[in-house]
């Protein structure tokens, strides 16, 4: 059974792989045997992760890429195919929580909306479009999107992120039903609240949020790794158009993620 989780000789491209959840997914897949191409706008973080991957005995490239720019996407895959000859798995992990602070809808500018939707949704479409024909010609492949619990629920003054991640949810379904006949599966990871460098895992606010999660704690970035390995491996070959929530039960229960709280504590 464990042989099905082996990623030996797989070439995996991941966006947003320099920090947080992306970094942990990279390291887990490298430990499982994969070669990694890590793409993000900031070069220094992805170079550091790429170095760690090579330290595990795998091949790795760090390529500075603005995934909202289709010319950058073409350059990315041109380099990858020239260096590795194939792409077995694409993980669309690029995203931002929000372009700026929460505010009423009437204060959101056109630019803020476009940035939020471009980063959280368009990047996944552009990257998938850029490599799916290669995968089809090569007999198949795997595409994994990263959404959020906010893709399935609303959030107060949370527009670009919730709308973008909601778009990822239906993009997953559209791609699964469209690309499956070419041997390409499309699935989606749905993280809950997992503090990273950006959200400060040690802050009191981060830790207090764990009280509202059914399992009683917030997530750890390292917990994303095994799920990424599974979805990149042969073990998930019959999974297509599926959503894998990793949120401690946050979508099953709890009220805090909407930023609403009852005036009187509920007793259930």
Foldseek 3Di string as FASTA:
>chain_A
DVVQLACALAEEEEEPLQWFLNLLQLLLNLLSHYEYEYEEQDQVSQVVSQVVSVVSVHHYHYDRADLLDLVRLLVSVVVCCVVSVAHAEYEYEFADQFPDDQDDPVPDDPVRLCVLLSRLAVSLVSNCVNHLVVQLVVQEHEYEYEAEPLLVPPAHSRPSNSVNSVNVLVVQVVCLVVSVVSHYAYEYEYEYAEDIPVNDCPDPVQAVVLCQAQQRGFDHSNVSRVVSSCRRGSVCSVDHSYYHYDYNCPNVDGDPRRVDDDPDDDDD
